[in-house]
Protein backbone atom coordinates (compact mmCIF):
# COMPACT_ATOMS: atom_id res chain seq x y z
CA UNK A 1 -3.10 -21.58 -0.15
CA UNK A 2 -1.64 -18.90 -2.41
CA UNK A 3 -3.75 -17.74 -5.35
CA UNK A 4 -2.89 -15.52 -8.28
CA UNK A 5 -5.10 -13.60 -10.72
CA UNK A 6 -4.08 -12.46 -14.19
CA UNK A 7 -7.40 -11.06 -15.42
CA UNK A 8 -8.30 -7.40 -14.94
CA UNK A 9 -11.74 -5.93 -14.39
CA UNK A 10 -12.86 -3.73 -17.31
CA UNK A 11 -12.94 -0.67 -15.02
CA UNK A 12 -9.34 -1.34 -14.00
CA UNK A 13 -8.25 -1.83 -17.59
CA UNK A 14 -9.96 1.41 -18.59
CA UNK A 15 -8.29 3.40 -15.82
CA UNK A 16 -4.81 1.99 -16.40
CA UNK A 17 -4.90 2.30 -20.18
CA UNK A 18 -6.83 5.50 -20.77
CA UNK A 19 -6.38 7.51 -17.58
CA UNK A 20 -3.24 6.73 -15.59
CA UNK A 21 -1.04 6.65 -18.68
CA UNK A 22 -2.79 9.55 -20.42
CA UNK A 23 -0.49 12.55 -20.75
CA UNK A 24 -3.35 15.02 -21.03
CA UNK A 25 -4.95 13.74 -17.84
CA UNK A 26 -1.68 13.66 -15.91
CA UNK A 27 -0.60 17.16 -16.85
CA UNK A 28 -3.93 18.93 -17.16
CA UNK A 29 -3.70 22.29 -15.32
CA UNK A 30 -5.44 22.31 -11.97
CA UNK A 31 -8.29 24.58 -13.06
CA UNK A 32 -10.57 23.45 -10.25
CA UNK A 33 -10.10 24.36 -6.60
CA UNK A 34 -11.04 20.79 -5.72
CA UNK A 35 -8.83 18.44 -7.76
CA UNK A 36 -9.72 15.55 -5.42
CA UNK A 37 -13.06 15.27 -7.20
CA UNK A 38 -11.31 15.14 -10.57
CA UNK A 39 -8.42 12.83 -9.76
CA UNK A 40 -10.03 10.48 -7.23
CA UNK A 41 -13.78 10.69 -6.59
CA UNK A 42 -14.56 10.57 -10.31
CA UNK A 43 -12.69 7.28 -10.65
CA UNK A 44 -13.74 5.55 -7.44
CA UNK A 45 -15.41 2.75 -9.41
CA UNK A 46 -12.12 1.98 -11.16
CA UNK A 47 -10.10 2.13 -7.93
CA UNK A 48 -12.61 -0.10 -6.14
CA UNK A 49 -12.03 -2.82 -8.74
CA UNK A 50 -8.25 -2.48 -8.92
CA UNK A 51 -5.97 -4.72 -6.88
CA UNK A 52 -5.31 -4.55 -3.94
CA UNK A 53 -7.96 -1.90 -3.23
CA UNK A 54 -10.71 -4.23 -4.47
CA UNK A 55 -10.66 -5.72 -0.97
CA UNK A 56 -12.00 -2.39 0.37
CA UNK A 57 -15.73 -1.65 0.51
CA UNK A 58 -17.66 1.61 0.96
CA UNK A 59 -17.96 2.33 4.68
CA UNK A 60 -14.81 0.40 5.61
CA UNK A 61 -12.27 1.62 8.14
CA UNK A 62 -8.77 1.45 6.66
CA UNK A 63 -5.25 1.98 7.99
CA UNK A 64 -2.49 2.95 5.57
CA UNK A 65 1.08 2.69 6.86
CA UNK A 66 3.28 5.01 4.83
CA UNK A 67 2.53 8.09 2.74
CA UNK A 68 4.65 9.99 0.27
CA UNK A 69 4.98 13.65 -0.60
CA UNK A 70 6.21 12.50 -4.01
CA UNK A 71 2.60 11.83 -4.99
CA UNK A 72 1.11 15.03 -3.56
CA UNK A 73 2.27 18.41 -4.83
CA UNK A 74 1.20 21.91 -3.73
CA UNK A 75 -0.98 22.17 -6.86
CA UNK A 76 -2.65 18.82 -6.42
CA UNK A 77 -1.94 15.10 -6.74
CA UNK A 78 0.82 14.22 -9.19
CA UNK A 79 -0.22 10.89 -10.66
CA UNK A 80 2.72 10.59 -13.03
CA UNK A 81 4.07 7.75 -10.88
CA UNK A 82 0.71 6.46 -9.70
CA UNK A 83 -2.12 7.79 -7.53
CA UNK A 84 -1.85 8.45 -3.81
CA UNK A 85 -3.11 5.33 -2.05
CA UNK A 86 -4.40 7.39 0.87
CA UNK A 87 -6.59 9.50 -1.40
CA UNK A 88 -7.92 6.73 -3.59
CA UNK A 89 -8.86 4.71 -0.48
CA UNK A 90 -10.58 7.83 0.85
CA UNK A 91 -12.63 7.90 -2.36
CA UNK A 92 -13.53 4.21 -2.08
CA UNK A 93 -14.68 4.18 1.57
CA UNK A 94 -16.67 7.39 1.14
CA UNK A 95 -18.24 9.53 3.82
CA UNK A 96 -19.38 6.51 5.87
CA UNK A 97 -15.84 5.10 6.07
CA UNK A 98 -12.52 6.41 7.32
CA UNK A 99 -8.82 6.19 6.45
CA UNK A 100 -6.10 6.44 9.09
CA UNK A 101 -2.66 7.11 7.64
CA UNK A 102 0.45 6.58 9.75
CA UNK A 103 3.58 8.36 8.46
CA UNK A 104 6.67 9.46 10.43
CA UNK A 105 8.23 12.05 8.07
CA UNK A 106 7.08 15.61 8.79
CA UNK A 107 7.29 16.85 5.18
CA UNK A 108 5.07 13.98 3.99
CA UNK A 109 2.59 14.60 6.80
CA UNK A 110 2.50 18.35 6.12
CA UNK A 111 1.95 17.86 2.39
CA UNK A 112 -0.93 15.46 2.98
CA UNK A 113 -2.58 17.66 5.62
CA UNK A 114 -2.33 20.66 3.28
CA UNK A 115 -3.96 18.72 0.47
CA UNK A 116 -6.76 17.36 2.69
CA UNK A 117 -7.57 20.85 3.96
CA UNK A 118 -7.49 22.43 0.51
CA UNK A 119 -9.84 19.78 -0.87
CA UNK A 120 -12.11 19.49 2.17
CA UNK A 121 -11.43 15.75 2.51
CA UNK A 122 -12.83 14.87 5.94
CA UNK A 123 -12.57 11.09 6.13
CA UNK A 124 -8.79 10.90 6.60
CA UNK A 125 -6.88 11.12 9.90
CA UNK A 126 -3.10 11.63 9.70
CA UNK A 127 -0.94 10.22 12.50
CA UNK A 128 2.69 11.34 12.56
CA UNK A 129 4.72 8.30 13.57
CA UNK A 130 6.06 5.14 12.04
CA UNK A 131 4.73 1.59 12.35
CA UNK A 132 6.90 -1.15 13.83
CA UNK A 133 6.84 -4.12 16.21
CA UNK A 134 7.08 -2.01 19.36
CA UNK A 135 6.77 1.55 20.61
CA UNK A 136 9.96 3.64 20.66
CA UNK A 137 12.37 5.70 18.58
CA UNK A 138 13.91 4.27 15.41
CA UNK A 139 16.55 5.65 13.05
CA UNK A 140 15.45 6.17 9.44
CA UNK A 141 17.41 6.89 6.28
CA UNK A 142 15.67 9.98 4.91
CA UNK A 143 15.75 10.95 1.22
CA UNK A 144 13.99 14.29 0.75
CA UNK A 145 14.15 14.07 -3.04
CA UNK A 146 12.61 10.58 -3.06
CA UNK A 147 10.52 10.38 0.12
CA UNK A 148 8.85 7.13 -0.93
CA UNK A 149 12.28 5.51 -0.42
CA UNK A 150 12.65 6.53 3.24
CA UNK A 151 13.51 3.38 5.17
CA UNK A 152 14.45 2.15 8.63
CA UNK A 153 18.24 2.16 8.89
CA UNK A 154 18.39 -1.53 9.82
CA UNK A 155 16.80 -2.48 6.48
CA UNK A 156 19.17 -0.70 4.16
CA UNK A 157 22.85 -0.01 3.48
CA UNK A 158 23.52 3.64 4.37
CA UNK A 159 26.83 3.86 2.49
CA UNK A 160 25.32 2.48 -0.72
CA UNK A 161 22.42 4.89 -0.46
CA UNK A 162 24.83 7.82 -0.03
CA UNK A 163 26.51 6.94 -3.32
CA UNK A 164 23.31 7.38 -5.32
CA UNK A 165 21.32 9.97 -3.38
CA UNK A 166 21.61 12.77 -0.83
CA UNK A 167 20.36 11.03 2.32
CA UNK A 168 20.72 11.49 6.05
CA UNK A 169 19.81 9.59 9.23
CA UNK A 170 17.21 10.87 11.65
CA UNK A 171 15.24 9.33 14.53
CA UNK A 172 11.45 9.11 14.50
CA UNK A 173 8.77 7.84 16.83
CA UNK A 174 7.28 4.44 15.94
CA UNK A 175 4.44 2.45 17.43
CA UNK A 176 2.44 -0.73 16.86
CA UNK A 177 -0.85 -0.85 15.00
CA UNK A 178 -2.42 -2.36 18.13
CA UNK A 179 -1.40 0.68 20.18
CA UNK A 180 -2.58 3.13 17.51
CA UNK A 181 -5.95 1.39 17.24
CA UNK A 182 -6.41 1.63 21.01
CA UNK A 183 -5.22 5.25 21.25
CA UNK A 184 -7.55 6.47 18.51
CA UNK A 185 -10.51 4.40 19.65
CA UNK A 186 -10.79 2.47 16.38
CA UNK A 187 -13.46 -0.10 17.18
CA UNK A 188 -13.46 -1.68 13.72
CA UNK A 189 -10.58 -2.11 11.29
CA UNK A 190 -11.38 -3.78 7.98
CA UNK A 191 -8.24 -3.33 5.94
CA UNK A 192 -4.56 -2.52 6.50
CA UNK A 193 -2.19 -1.54 3.67
CA UNK A 194 1.53 -1.67 4.44
CA UNK A 195 4.00 0.19 2.21
CA UNK A 196 6.89 0.63 4.62
CA UNK A 197 9.96 -0.54 2.71
CA UNK A 198 10.81 -3.85 4.34
CA UNK A 199 9.28 -3.31 7.79
CA UNK A 200 5.95 -4.86 6.81
CA UNK A 201 6.36 -8.02 8.88
CA UNK A 202 7.46 -6.00 11.93
CA UNK A 203 4.14 -4.18 11.72
CA UNK A 204 2.23 -7.45 11.46
CA UNK A 205 4.00 -9.32 14.26
CA UNK A 206 3.75 -6.31 16.57
CA UNK A 207 -0.04 -6.22 16.34
CA UNK A 208 -1.47 -9.59 17.47
CA UNK A 209 -4.83 -8.11 18.56
CA UNK A 210 -5.55 -6.61 15.15
CA UNK A 211 -4.26 -9.67 13.32
CA UNK A 212 -6.49 -12.00 15.34
CA UNK A 213 -9.59 -10.31 13.96
CA UNK A 214 -11.17 -10.38 10.51
CA UNK A 215 -8.81 -7.81 9.09
CA UNK A 216 -7.44 -7.96 5.54
CA UNK A 217 -3.77 -6.98 5.18
CA UNK A 218 -1.94 -6.10 1.96
CA UNK A 219 1.84 -5.76 1.77
CA UNK A 220 4.51 -5.44 -0.89
CA UNK A 221 6.51 -8.58 -1.68
CA UNK A 222 8.36 -7.25 -4.74
CA UNK A 223 12.01 -6.61 -3.83
CA UNK A 224 11.49 -8.06 -0.34
CA UNK A 225 14.10 -10.76 0.32
CA UNK A 226 12.12 -12.32 3.21
CA UNK A 227 8.69 -12.15 1.60
CA UNK A 228 8.25 -15.93 1.47
CA UNK A 229 8.98 -16.17 5.20
CA UNK A 230 6.26 -13.57 5.81
CA UNK A 231 3.76 -15.51 3.70
CA UNK A 232 4.50 -18.81 5.44
CA UNK A 233 4.12 -17.20 8.86
CA UNK A 234 0.75 -15.71 7.92
CA UNK A 235 -0.42 -19.04 6.55
CA UNK A 236 0.44 -20.62 9.91
CA UNK A 237 -1.82 -17.99 11.52
CA UNK A 238 -4.74 -19.17 9.38
CA UNK A 239 -4.58 -16.66 6.55
CA UNK A 240 -4.97 -17.42 2.88
CA UNK A 241 -2.75 -15.39 0.55
CA UNK A 242 -3.67 -13.75 -2.73
CA UNK A 243 -0.90 -12.36 -4.96
CA UNK A 244 -1.32 -10.01 -7.89
CA UNK A 245 0.39 -7.23 -9.78
CA UNK A 246 -0.49 -3.82 -8.38
CA UNK A 247 -0.56 -0.83 -10.78
CA UNK A 248 1.77 1.28 -8.69
CA UNK A 249 3.50 2.76 -11.71
CA UNK A 250 3.30 2.13 -15.47
CA UNK A 251 7.11 2.00 -15.56
CA UNK A 252 7.21 -1.30 -13.63
CA UNK A 253 6.17 -4.43 -15.57
CA UNK A 254 5.86 -6.35 -12.30
CA UNK A 255 5.09 -5.12 -8.79
CA UNK A 256 3.64 -7.96 -6.76
CA UNK A 257 1.57 -7.29 -3.66
CA UNK A 258 0.31 -10.02 -1.33
CA UNK A 259 -2.99 -9.84 0.55
CA UNK A 260 -3.68 -11.95 3.65
CA UNK A 261 -7.33 -12.70 4.44
CA UNK A 262 -9.42 -15.26 6.31
CA UNK A 263 -12.14 -17.03 4.35
CA UNK A 264 -14.48 -17.22 7.32
CA UNK A 265 -14.57 -13.42 7.38
CA UNK A 266 -16.64 -13.49 4.20
CA UNK A 267 -13.89 -11.84 2.17
CA UNK A 268 -13.07 -13.53 -1.12
CA UNK A 269 -10.27 -12.67 -3.54
CA UNK A 270 -11.05 -11.59 -7.11
CA UNK A 271 -12.48 -14.20 -9.47
CA UNK A 272 -10.45 -16.20 -11.99
CA UNK A 273 -7.79 -17.27 -9.50
CA UNK A 274 -5.50 -20.25 -9.74
CA UNK A 275 -3.33 -21.75 -7.04
CA UNK A 276 0.38 -20.99 -7.35
CA UNK A 277 3.75 -21.39 -5.73
CA UNK A 278 6.22 -18.51 -5.70
CA UNK A 279 9.81 -18.73 -6.89
CA UNK A 280 11.55 -16.18 -4.67
CA UNK A 281 15.04 -16.71 -6.05
CA UNK A 282 15.12 -13.13 -7.31
CA UNK A 283 12.95 -10.78 -5.18
CA UNK A 284 13.06 -8.21 -7.96
CA UNK A 285 11.55 -10.66 -10.45
CA UNK A 286 9.42 -13.19 -8.58
CA UNK A 287 8.34 -16.32 -10.46
CA UNK A 288 4.72 -17.47 -10.32
CA UNK A 289 4.38 -21.24 -10.76
CA UNK A 290 0.90 -22.77 -11.25
CA UNK A 291 0.44 -25.67 -8.82
CA UNK A 292 0.48 -28.97 -10.67
CA UNK A 293 1.99 -27.45 -13.80
CA UNK A 294 5.31 -29.15 -13.19
CA UNK A 295 7.48 -26.16 -13.93
CA UNK A 296 7.95 -22.43 -13.73
CA UNK A 297 6.07 -20.08 -16.01
CA UNK A 298 8.59 -17.36 -15.25
CA UNK A 299 7.87 -14.06 -13.60
CA UNK A 300 4.36 -12.76 -13.53
CA UNK A 301 3.54 -10.25 -16.20
């Protein structure tokens, strides 16, 4: 079953309307030596009720695949284009939980490590490698000006990218989530968030041990041509799917993220859901069709 939720929790509405899009808040000088407390810890209640992070609980162990220097500057987190998922998850899980972030690009890793040290954030472990379906070396298209758009070469058109940005190809180490969990002695993994530009299903299929447990997995389906194939495969594995707009950036009217979960794990999606089918004709503008409605309602808003 695929469910969809249109309603927002009041905390989420407050954060999106009065904080994330507030110019004063975004550009306020970093007067404090610990901006983490200002930008993240202070708003943990809002983050904890905002999709997809509302699947995370205090004390959880979380793995984030993909991090971006674009959201972390030398003077603190730049939330102009949305908060750093690593840092907001750190705020949600608290001192009893832990966040493991897996990122192959050295500049992104260095920026995050610098921020964590400067702000004394101790519940985050940074692992410098990529996530894929097997261990090895993989070529990436690297865009230093837009590091959130770094992508495995096989999932993009290098010549088209060269026409719009200064990119180059470099090889990086990748590994499976299963291997990383074993190497780092992670005995419990509650939630996995995949933001790896088209390689999300590689990460899932390469980690059968993790996926056989009661883990919750969120992954981007917006602008993913094979997203419906991913959803169908996860449903065959016994997962239910919840789909909702994620507030990645105010500039995007729609950015759908899917979350796979098992009901027997005790995890339930947000309230006010209705069953839907997805019209994947245009991955950039996915249609959400209420089951039994007899027709498309158009793209989710």
